[in-house]
Amino acid sequence: MRYQKRISGPLLDRIDIHLEVPRVDVEKLGDDRLGEPSEAIRDRVEHARQRQRDRLEAVALVCNSEMGPAEIRQFCHLADPCRALLRTAMAQLQLTAHAYHRVIKVARTIADLAGADEIGPAHLAEALQYRSRRLA
């Protein structure tokens, strides 16, 4: 925590996904349950990347992270419930304009991984959860 406090807000604002990974309990290490197979994850990621390439081909971009504000307006349509959620998050979490665009790009990627054509409130809510609480 002390180390994180030393990192400036503007630098942290440029990191799209902030995750805290807790220590794994010893009981879970010996658990016989299996998670999702790596092949299934790889297939989902490959399909999402192909969706991005297909969508962004006309503007000579390859993936969502390369989009600027113009491409975000063009390819990341937000329905009214999403706009309301983002407006509330901007106010409550005190997000910067830079973070606003980054959240939308992460939400677009989450939607691509889910195979969705449009960004939904659940995609946007998940993307908002990845913002640093310190910045928020």
N, C-alpha and C. Protein backbone atom coordinates (compact mmCIF):
# COMPACT_ATOMS: atom_id res chain seq x y z
N MET A 1 0.83 -1.19 0.00
CA MET A 1 0.00 0.00 0.00
C MET A 1 0.88 1.26 0.00
N ARG A 2 1.95 1.23 0.79
CA ARG A 2 2.86 2.39 0.82
C ARG A 2 3.46 2.62 -0.56
N TYR A 3 3.84 1.54 -1.22
CA TYR A 3 4.44 1.68 -2.55
C TYR A 3 3.42 2.28 -3.52
N GLN A 4 2.20 1.80 -3.50
CA GLN A 4 1.17 2.29 -4.40
C GLN A 4 0.89 3.77 -4.18
N LYS A 5 0.98 4.23 -2.95
CA LYS A 5 0.73 5.64 -2.66
C LYS A 5 1.81 6.53 -3.26
N ARG A 6 2.98 5.96 -3.54
CA ARG A 6 4.08 6.74 -4.11
C ARG A 6 3.94 6.92 -5.61
N ILE A 7 3.08 6.12 -6.25
CA ILE A 7 2.88 6.23 -7.70
C ILE A 7 1.90 7.36 -7.96
N SER A 8 2.25 8.23 -8.88
CA SER A 8 1.41 9.40 -9.14
C SER A 8 0.08 9.01 -9.79
N GLY A 9 -0.94 9.80 -9.51
CA GLY A 9 -2.27 9.59 -10.09
C GLY A 9 -2.26 9.59 -11.61
N PRO A 10 -1.59 10.57 -12.26
CA PRO A 10 -1.57 10.56 -13.73
C PRO A 10 -0.94 9.30 -14.32
N LEU A 11 0.05 8.74 -13.65
CA LEU A 11 0.65 7.51 -14.15
C LEU A 11 -0.33 6.35 -13.97
N LEU A 12 -0.94 6.24 -12.81
CA LEU A 12 -1.92 5.18 -12.57
C LEU A 12 -3.12 5.30 -13.51
N ASP A 13 -3.45 6.51 -13.89
CA ASP A 13 -4.59 6.74 -14.78
C ASP A 13 -4.37 6.11 -16.16
N ARG A 14 -3.14 5.86 -16.52
CA ARG A 14 -2.83 5.28 -17.82
C ARG A 14 -2.78 3.75 -17.80
N ILE A 15 -3.02 3.17 -16.65
CA ILE A 15 -3.11 1.72 -16.53
C ILE A 15 -4.58 1.34 -16.57
N ASP A 16 -4.95 0.54 -17.57
CA ASP A 16 -6.37 0.24 -17.80
C ASP A 16 -6.98 -0.70 -16.79
N ILE A 17 -6.24 -1.69 -16.36
CA ILE A 17 -6.81 -2.72 -15.50
C ILE A 17 -5.99 -2.83 -14.23
N HIS A 18 -6.65 -2.63 -13.11
CA HIS A 18 -6.03 -2.75 -11.79
C HIS A 18 -6.70 -3.91 -11.08
N LEU A 19 -5.92 -4.93 -10.74
CA LEU A 19 -6.46 -6.09 -10.05
C LEU A 19 -5.63 -6.40 -8.82
N GLU A 20 -6.32 -6.74 -7.75
CA GLU A 20 -5.65 -7.24 -6.57
C GLU A 20 -5.84 -8.75 -6.58
N VAL A 21 -4.74 -9.47 -6.55
CA VAL A 21 -4.80 -10.93 -6.58
C VAL A 21 -4.48 -11.44 -5.19
N PRO A 22 -5.48 -11.98 -4.50
CA PRO A 22 -5.24 -12.45 -3.13
C PRO A 22 -4.45 -13.76 -3.13
N ARG A 23 -3.85 -14.02 -2.01
CA ARG A 23 -3.11 -15.28 -1.81
C ARG A 23 -4.11 -16.44 -1.90
N VAL A 24 -3.69 -17.54 -2.52
CA VAL A 24 -4.54 -18.72 -2.67
C VAL A 24 -4.44 -19.56 -1.40
N ASP A 25 -5.60 -19.93 -0.86
CA ASP A 25 -5.63 -20.79 0.32
C ASP A 25 -5.08 -22.16 -0.02
N VAL A 26 -4.40 -22.77 0.93
CA VAL A 26 -3.80 -24.09 0.74
C VAL A 26 -4.86 -25.13 0.40
N GLU A 27 -6.07 -25.00 0.96
CA GLU A 27 -7.15 -25.95 0.68
C GLU A 27 -7.54 -25.92 -0.79
N LYS A 28 -7.51 -24.75 -1.40
CA LYS A 28 -7.89 -24.62 -2.80
C LYS A 28 -6.82 -25.19 -3.73
N LEU A 29 -5.58 -25.20 -3.30
CA LEU A 29 -4.51 -25.74 -4.13
C LEU A 29 -4.68 -27.24 -4.35
N GLY A 30 -5.22 -27.95 -3.37
CA GLY A 30 -5.42 -29.39 -3.47
C GLY A 30 -6.79 -29.77 -3.97
N ASP A 31 -7.59 -28.79 -4.34
CA ASP A 31 -8.96 -29.04 -4.80
C ASP A 31 -8.93 -29.78 -6.14
N ASP A 32 -9.82 -30.74 -6.31
CA ASP A 32 -9.88 -31.54 -7.54
C ASP A 32 -10.68 -30.87 -8.66
N ARG A 33 -11.39 -29.79 -8.33
CA ARG A 33 -12.18 -29.12 -9.37
C ARG A 33 -11.24 -28.44 -10.36
N LEU A 34 -11.61 -28.52 -11.62
CA LEU A 34 -10.81 -27.89 -12.66
C LEU A 34 -11.47 -26.60 -13.12
N GLY A 35 -10.65 -25.65 -13.47
CA GLY A 35 -11.16 -24.40 -14.02
C GLY A 35 -11.41 -24.55 -15.51
N GLU A 36 -11.67 -23.45 -16.16
CA GLU A 36 -11.90 -23.46 -17.60
C GLU A 36 -10.62 -23.88 -18.31
N PRO A 37 -10.71 -24.78 -19.29
CA PRO A 37 -9.51 -25.22 -20.00
C PRO A 37 -8.84 -24.08 -20.78
N SER A 38 -7.55 -24.12 -20.86
CA SER A 38 -6.79 -23.08 -21.57
C SER A 38 -7.21 -22.98 -23.03
N GLU A 39 -7.54 -24.09 -23.66
CA GLU A 39 -7.96 -24.07 -25.06
C GLU A 39 -9.23 -23.25 -25.24
N ALA A 40 -10.17 -23.38 -24.33
CA ALA A 40 -11.42 -22.62 -24.41
C ALA A 40 -11.14 -21.13 -24.25
N ILE A 41 -10.26 -20.80 -23.35
CA ILE A 41 -9.91 -19.39 -23.14
C ILE A 41 -9.21 -18.85 -24.38
N ARG A 42 -8.26 -19.62 -24.91
CA ARG A 42 -7.55 -19.19 -26.11
C ARG A 42 -8.51 -18.96 -27.27
N ASP A 43 -9.47 -19.88 -27.46
CA ASP A 43 -10.44 -19.72 -28.54
C ASP A 43 -11.27 -18.45 -28.37
N ARG A 44 -11.69 -18.19 -27.14
CA ARG A 44 -12.50 -16.99 -26.88
C ARG A 44 -11.69 -15.72 -27.16
N VAL A 45 -10.42 -15.72 -26.76
CA VAL A 45 -9.56 -14.56 -27.01
C VAL A 45 -9.31 -14.39 -28.50
N GLU A 46 -9.06 -15.48 -29.22
CA GLU A 46 -8.83 -15.39 -30.66
C GLU A 46 -10.06 -14.86 -31.38
N HIS A 47 -11.25 -15.31 -30.97
CA HIS A 47 -12.48 -14.81 -31.59
C HIS A 47 -12.66 -13.31 -31.29
N ALA A 48 -12.37 -12.91 -30.08
CA ALA A 48 -12.49 -11.49 -29.72
C ALA A 48 -11.52 -10.65 -30.52
N ARG A 49 -10.30 -11.12 -30.67
CA ARG A 49 -9.29 -10.38 -31.45
C ARG A 49 -9.72 -10.28 -32.92
N GLN A 50 -10.30 -11.36 -33.45
CA GLN A 50 -10.77 -11.31 -34.84
C GLN A 50 -11.92 -10.33 -35.00
N ARG A 51 -12.82 -10.29 -34.03
CA ARG A 51 -13.93 -9.31 -34.06
C ARG A 51 -13.36 -7.89 -34.12
N GLN A 52 -12.33 -7.64 -33.32
CA GLN A 52 -11.71 -6.32 -33.28
C GLN A 52 -11.06 -6.00 -34.63
N ARG A 53 -10.31 -6.94 -35.17
CA ARG A 53 -9.66 -6.71 -36.47
C ARG A 53 -10.69 -6.42 -37.54
N ASP A 54 -11.77 -7.20 -37.58
CA ASP A 54 -12.82 -7.00 -38.58
C ASP A 54 -13.47 -5.63 -38.43
N ARG A 55 -13.78 -5.26 -37.21
CA ARG A 55 -14.46 -3.99 -36.95
C ARG A 55 -13.57 -2.80 -37.30
N LEU A 56 -12.29 -2.90 -36.97
CA LEU A 56 -11.39 -1.75 -37.10
C LEU A 56 -10.60 -1.72 -38.40
N GLU A 57 -10.83 -2.70 -39.25
CA GLU A 57 -10.08 -2.79 -40.51
C GLU A 57 -10.20 -1.53 -41.36
N ALA A 58 -11.39 -0.96 -41.41
CA ALA A 58 -11.64 0.22 -42.25
C ALA A 58 -10.84 1.45 -41.81
N VAL A 59 -10.44 1.48 -40.53
CA VAL A 59 -9.69 2.64 -40.03
C VAL A 59 -8.23 2.28 -39.76
N ALA A 60 -7.78 1.15 -40.31
CA ALA A 60 -6.39 0.71 -40.23
C ALA A 60 -5.89 0.53 -38.80
N LEU A 61 -6.78 0.06 -37.91
CA LEU A 61 -6.38 -0.28 -36.55
C LEU A 61 -6.54 -1.79 -36.38
N VAL A 62 -5.91 -2.33 -35.34
CA VAL A 62 -5.95 -3.77 -35.12
C VAL A 62 -6.76 -4.15 -33.89
N CYS A 63 -6.65 -3.37 -32.82
CA CYS A 63 -7.35 -3.75 -31.59
C CYS A 63 -7.94 -2.54 -30.88
N ASN A 64 -8.82 -2.80 -29.94
CA ASN A 64 -9.55 -1.75 -29.25
C ASN A 64 -8.64 -0.75 -28.55
N SER A 65 -7.53 -1.21 -28.04
CA SER A 65 -6.63 -0.30 -27.30
C SER A 65 -6.08 0.81 -28.18
N GLU A 66 -6.08 0.62 -29.50
CA GLU A 66 -5.56 1.62 -30.41
C GLU A 66 -6.56 2.72 -30.75
N MET A 67 -7.82 2.53 -30.37
CA MET A 67 -8.86 3.50 -30.72
C MET A 67 -8.63 4.83 -30.01
N GLY A 68 -8.89 5.90 -30.75
CA GLY A 68 -8.90 7.23 -30.18
C GLY A 68 -10.35 7.66 -29.99
N PRO A 69 -10.57 8.88 -29.53
CA PRO A 69 -11.94 9.36 -29.31
C PRO A 69 -12.86 9.25 -30.54
N ALA A 70 -12.32 9.50 -31.72
CA ALA A 70 -13.16 9.42 -32.93
C ALA A 70 -13.62 7.99 -33.18
N GLU A 71 -12.71 7.03 -33.04
CA GLU A 71 -13.07 5.63 -33.24
C GLU A 71 -14.00 5.13 -32.13
N ILE A 72 -13.80 5.63 -30.93
CA ILE A 72 -14.69 5.24 -29.83
C ILE A 72 -16.11 5.69 -30.15
N ARG A 73 -16.26 6.91 -30.64
CA ARG A 73 -17.60 7.40 -31.02
C ARG A 73 -18.19 6.55 -32.15
N GLN A 74 -17.34 6.12 -33.07
CA GLN A 74 -17.81 5.37 -34.23
C GLN A 74 -18.15 3.92 -33.90
N PHE A 75 -17.35 3.27 -33.07
CA PHE A 75 -17.47 1.83 -32.86
C PHE A 75 -17.98 1.41 -31.49
N CYS A 76 -18.13 2.33 -30.58
CA CYS A 76 -18.53 1.96 -29.21
C CYS A 76 -19.81 2.67 -28.81
N HIS A 77 -20.86 2.38 -29.52
CA HIS A 77 -22.16 2.99 -29.22
C HIS A 77 -22.61 2.56 -27.83
N LEU A 78 -23.05 3.53 -27.04
CA LEU A 78 -23.57 3.24 -25.70
C LEU A 78 -25.05 3.56 -25.66
N ALA A 79 -25.85 2.57 -25.31
CA ALA A 79 -27.28 2.79 -25.14
C ALA A 79 -27.51 3.65 -23.90
N ASP A 80 -28.71 4.17 -23.76
CA ASP A 80 -29.02 5.07 -22.64
C ASP A 80 -28.67 4.50 -21.26
N PRO A 81 -28.98 3.22 -20.97
CA PRO A 81 -28.60 2.70 -19.65
C PRO A 81 -27.08 2.75 -19.41
N CYS A 82 -26.31 2.50 -20.46
CA CYS A 82 -24.85 2.55 -20.33
C CYS A 82 -24.38 3.99 -20.13
N ARG A 83 -24.98 4.90 -20.86
CA ARG A 83 -24.61 6.31 -20.69
C ARG A 83 -24.90 6.79 -19.27
N ALA A 84 -26.04 6.38 -18.74
CA ALA A 84 -26.41 6.77 -17.38
C ALA A 84 -25.43 6.18 -16.37
N LEU A 85 -25.08 4.92 -16.54
CA LEU A 85 -24.13 4.27 -15.65
C LEU A 85 -22.77 4.96 -15.70
N LEU A 86 -22.31 5.28 -16.89
CA LEU A 86 -21.02 5.94 -17.05
C LEU A 86 -21.04 7.36 -16.48
N ARG A 87 -22.13 8.05 -16.68
CA ARG A 87 -22.28 9.41 -16.13
C ARG A 87 -22.21 9.37 -14.60
N THR A 88 -22.90 8.41 -14.00
CA THR A 88 -22.88 8.25 -12.54
C THR A 88 -21.49 7.89 -12.06
N ALA A 89 -20.84 6.97 -12.76
CA ALA A 89 -19.49 6.56 -12.36
C ALA A 89 -18.51 7.73 -12.47
N MET A 90 -18.63 8.52 -13.51
CA MET A 90 -17.74 9.68 -13.68
C MET A 90 -17.86 10.60 -12.48
N ALA A 91 -19.07 10.82 -12.03
CA ALA A 91 -19.29 11.74 -10.90
C ALA A 91 -18.85 11.11 -9.58
N GLN A 92 -19.28 9.90 -9.33
CA GLN A 92 -19.00 9.28 -8.03
C GLN A 92 -17.54 8.86 -7.88
N LEU A 93 -16.95 8.38 -8.95
CA LEU A 93 -15.57 7.89 -8.89
C LEU A 93 -14.55 8.96 -9.27
N GLN A 94 -15.06 10.11 -9.67
CA GLN A 94 -14.20 11.23 -10.07
C GLN A 94 -13.21 10.81 -11.15
N LEU A 95 -13.74 10.16 -12.19
CA LEU A 95 -12.90 9.70 -13.28
C LEU A 95 -12.49 10.87 -14.17
N THR A 96 -11.29 10.78 -14.71
CA THR A 96 -10.79 11.80 -15.63
C THR A 96 -11.37 11.53 -17.03
N ALA A 97 -11.22 12.49 -17.92
CA ALA A 97 -11.64 12.30 -19.31
C ALA A 97 -10.84 11.16 -19.93
N HIS A 98 -9.58 11.08 -19.57
CA HIS A 98 -8.72 10.00 -20.06
C HIS A 98 -9.27 8.65 -19.61
N ALA A 99 -9.64 8.54 -18.36
CA ALA A 99 -10.19 7.29 -17.82
C ALA A 99 -11.53 6.96 -18.48
N TYR A 100 -12.32 7.96 -18.79
CA TYR A 100 -13.62 7.78 -19.45
C TYR A 100 -13.44 6.96 -20.73
N HIS A 101 -12.51 7.38 -21.58
CA HIS A 101 -12.28 6.69 -22.84
C HIS A 101 -11.68 5.31 -22.63
N ARG A 102 -10.82 5.18 -21.65
CA ARG A 102 -10.19 3.88 -21.38
C ARG A 102 -11.22 2.88 -20.85
N VAL A 103 -12.14 3.32 -20.03
CA VAL A 103 -13.19 2.44 -19.53
C VAL A 103 -14.04 1.93 -20.69
N ILE A 104 -14.36 2.80 -21.62
CA ILE A 104 -15.18 2.39 -22.77
C ILE A 104 -14.42 1.37 -23.61
N LYS A 105 -13.13 1.57 -23.82
CA LYS A 105 -12.35 0.61 -24.61
C LYS A 105 -12.26 -0.75 -23.91
N VAL A 106 -12.09 -0.74 -22.61
CA VAL A 106 -12.06 -2.01 -21.87
C VAL A 106 -13.44 -2.67 -21.93
N ALA A 107 -14.50 -1.90 -21.81
CA ALA A 107 -15.86 -2.45 -21.90
C ALA A 107 -16.10 -3.05 -23.29
N ARG A 108 -15.58 -2.40 -24.34
CA ARG A 108 -15.72 -2.93 -25.70
C ARG A 108 -15.00 -4.28 -25.81
N THR A 109 -13.84 -4.40 -25.19
CA THR A 109 -13.09 -5.65 -25.21
C THR A 109 -13.83 -6.74 -24.43
N ILE A 110 -14.40 -6.38 -23.29
CA ILE A 110 -15.18 -7.34 -22.50
C ILE A 110 -16.38 -7.83 -23.32
N ALA A 111 -17.04 -6.91 -24.02
CA ALA A 111 -18.16 -7.29 -24.88
C ALA A 111 -17.69 -8.21 -26.00
N ASP A 112 -16.52 -7.93 -26.58
CA ASP A 112 -15.97 -8.80 -27.62
C ASP A 112 -15.70 -10.20 -27.08
N LEU A 113 -15.16 -10.28 -25.88
CA LEU A 113 -14.90 -11.59 -25.27
C LEU A 113 -16.19 -12.36 -25.02
N ALA A 114 -17.27 -11.62 -24.77
CA ALA A 114 -18.57 -12.24 -24.54
C ALA A 114 -19.31 -12.52 -25.84
N GLY A 115 -18.75 -12.06 -26.97
CA GLY A 115 -19.39 -12.27 -28.26
C GLY A 115 -20.54 -11.31 -28.51
N ALA A 116 -20.59 -10.20 -27.80
CA ALA A 116 -21.69 -9.24 -27.92
C ALA A 116 -21.37 -8.17 -28.97
N ASP A 117 -22.38 -7.80 -29.74
CA ASP A 117 -22.20 -6.76 -30.75
C ASP A 117 -22.18 -5.36 -30.14
N GLU A 118 -22.91 -5.19 -29.06
CA GLU A 118 -22.99 -3.89 -28.39
C GLU A 118 -22.45 -3.98 -26.98
N ILE A 119 -21.97 -2.87 -26.47
CA ILE A 119 -21.54 -2.80 -25.08
C ILE A 119 -22.80 -2.72 -24.21
N GLY A 120 -22.92 -3.62 -23.26
CA GLY A 120 -24.06 -3.63 -22.36
C GLY A 120 -23.67 -3.08 -20.99
N PRO A 121 -24.66 -2.81 -20.16
CA PRO A 121 -24.38 -2.32 -18.81
C PRO A 121 -23.46 -3.24 -18.01
N ALA A 122 -23.60 -4.55 -18.18
CA ALA A 122 -22.74 -5.49 -17.44
C ALA A 122 -21.28 -5.36 -17.89
N HIS A 123 -21.07 -5.15 -19.19
CA HIS A 123 -19.70 -4.98 -19.71
C HIS A 123 -19.08 -3.70 -19.15
N LEU A 124 -19.88 -2.65 -19.13
CA LEU A 124 -19.40 -1.37 -18.63
C LEU A 124 -19.14 -1.43 -17.13
N ALA A 125 -20.03 -2.09 -16.39
CA ALA A 125 -19.84 -2.23 -14.94
C ALA A 125 -18.57 -3.01 -14.63
N GLU A 126 -18.31 -4.06 -15.40
CA GLU A 126 -17.08 -4.83 -15.18
C GLU A 126 -15.85 -3.98 -15.46
N ALA A 127 -15.88 -3.22 -16.54
CA ALA A 127 -14.75 -2.35 -16.87
C ALA A 127 -14.51 -1.32 -15.78
N LEU A 128 -15.58 -0.79 -15.21
CA LEU A 128 -15.44 0.19 -14.13
C LEU A 128 -14.81 -0.43 -12.89
N GLN A 129 -15.09 -1.70 -12.65
CA GLN A 129 -14.51 -2.37 -11.48
C GLN A 129 -13.00 -2.49 -11.59
N TYR A 130 -12.47 -2.44 -12.80
CA TYR A 130 -11.02 -2.58 -12.98
C TYR A 130 -10.26 -1.28 -12.78
N ARG A 131 -10.95 -0.17 -12.59
CA ARG A 131 -10.26 1.09 -12.34
C ARG A 131 -9.68 1.09 -10.93
N SER A 132 -8.58 1.74 -10.77
CA SER A 132 -7.94 1.82 -9.46
C SER A 132 -8.84 2.56 -8.48
N ARG A 133 -9.02 1.98 -7.31
CA ARG A 133 -9.84 2.63 -6.29
C ARG A 133 -9.20 3.91 -5.80
N ARG A 134 -7.87 3.97 -5.88
CA ARG A 134 -7.18 5.18 -5.44
C ARG A 134 -7.49 6.35 -6.38
N LEU A 135 -7.57 6.03 -7.68
CA LEU A 135 -7.92 7.08 -8.64
C LEU A 135 -9.38 7.41 -8.56
N ALA A 136 -10.16 6.42 -8.20
CA ALA A 136 -11.60 6.59 -8.21
C ALA A 136 -12.10 7.22 -6.96
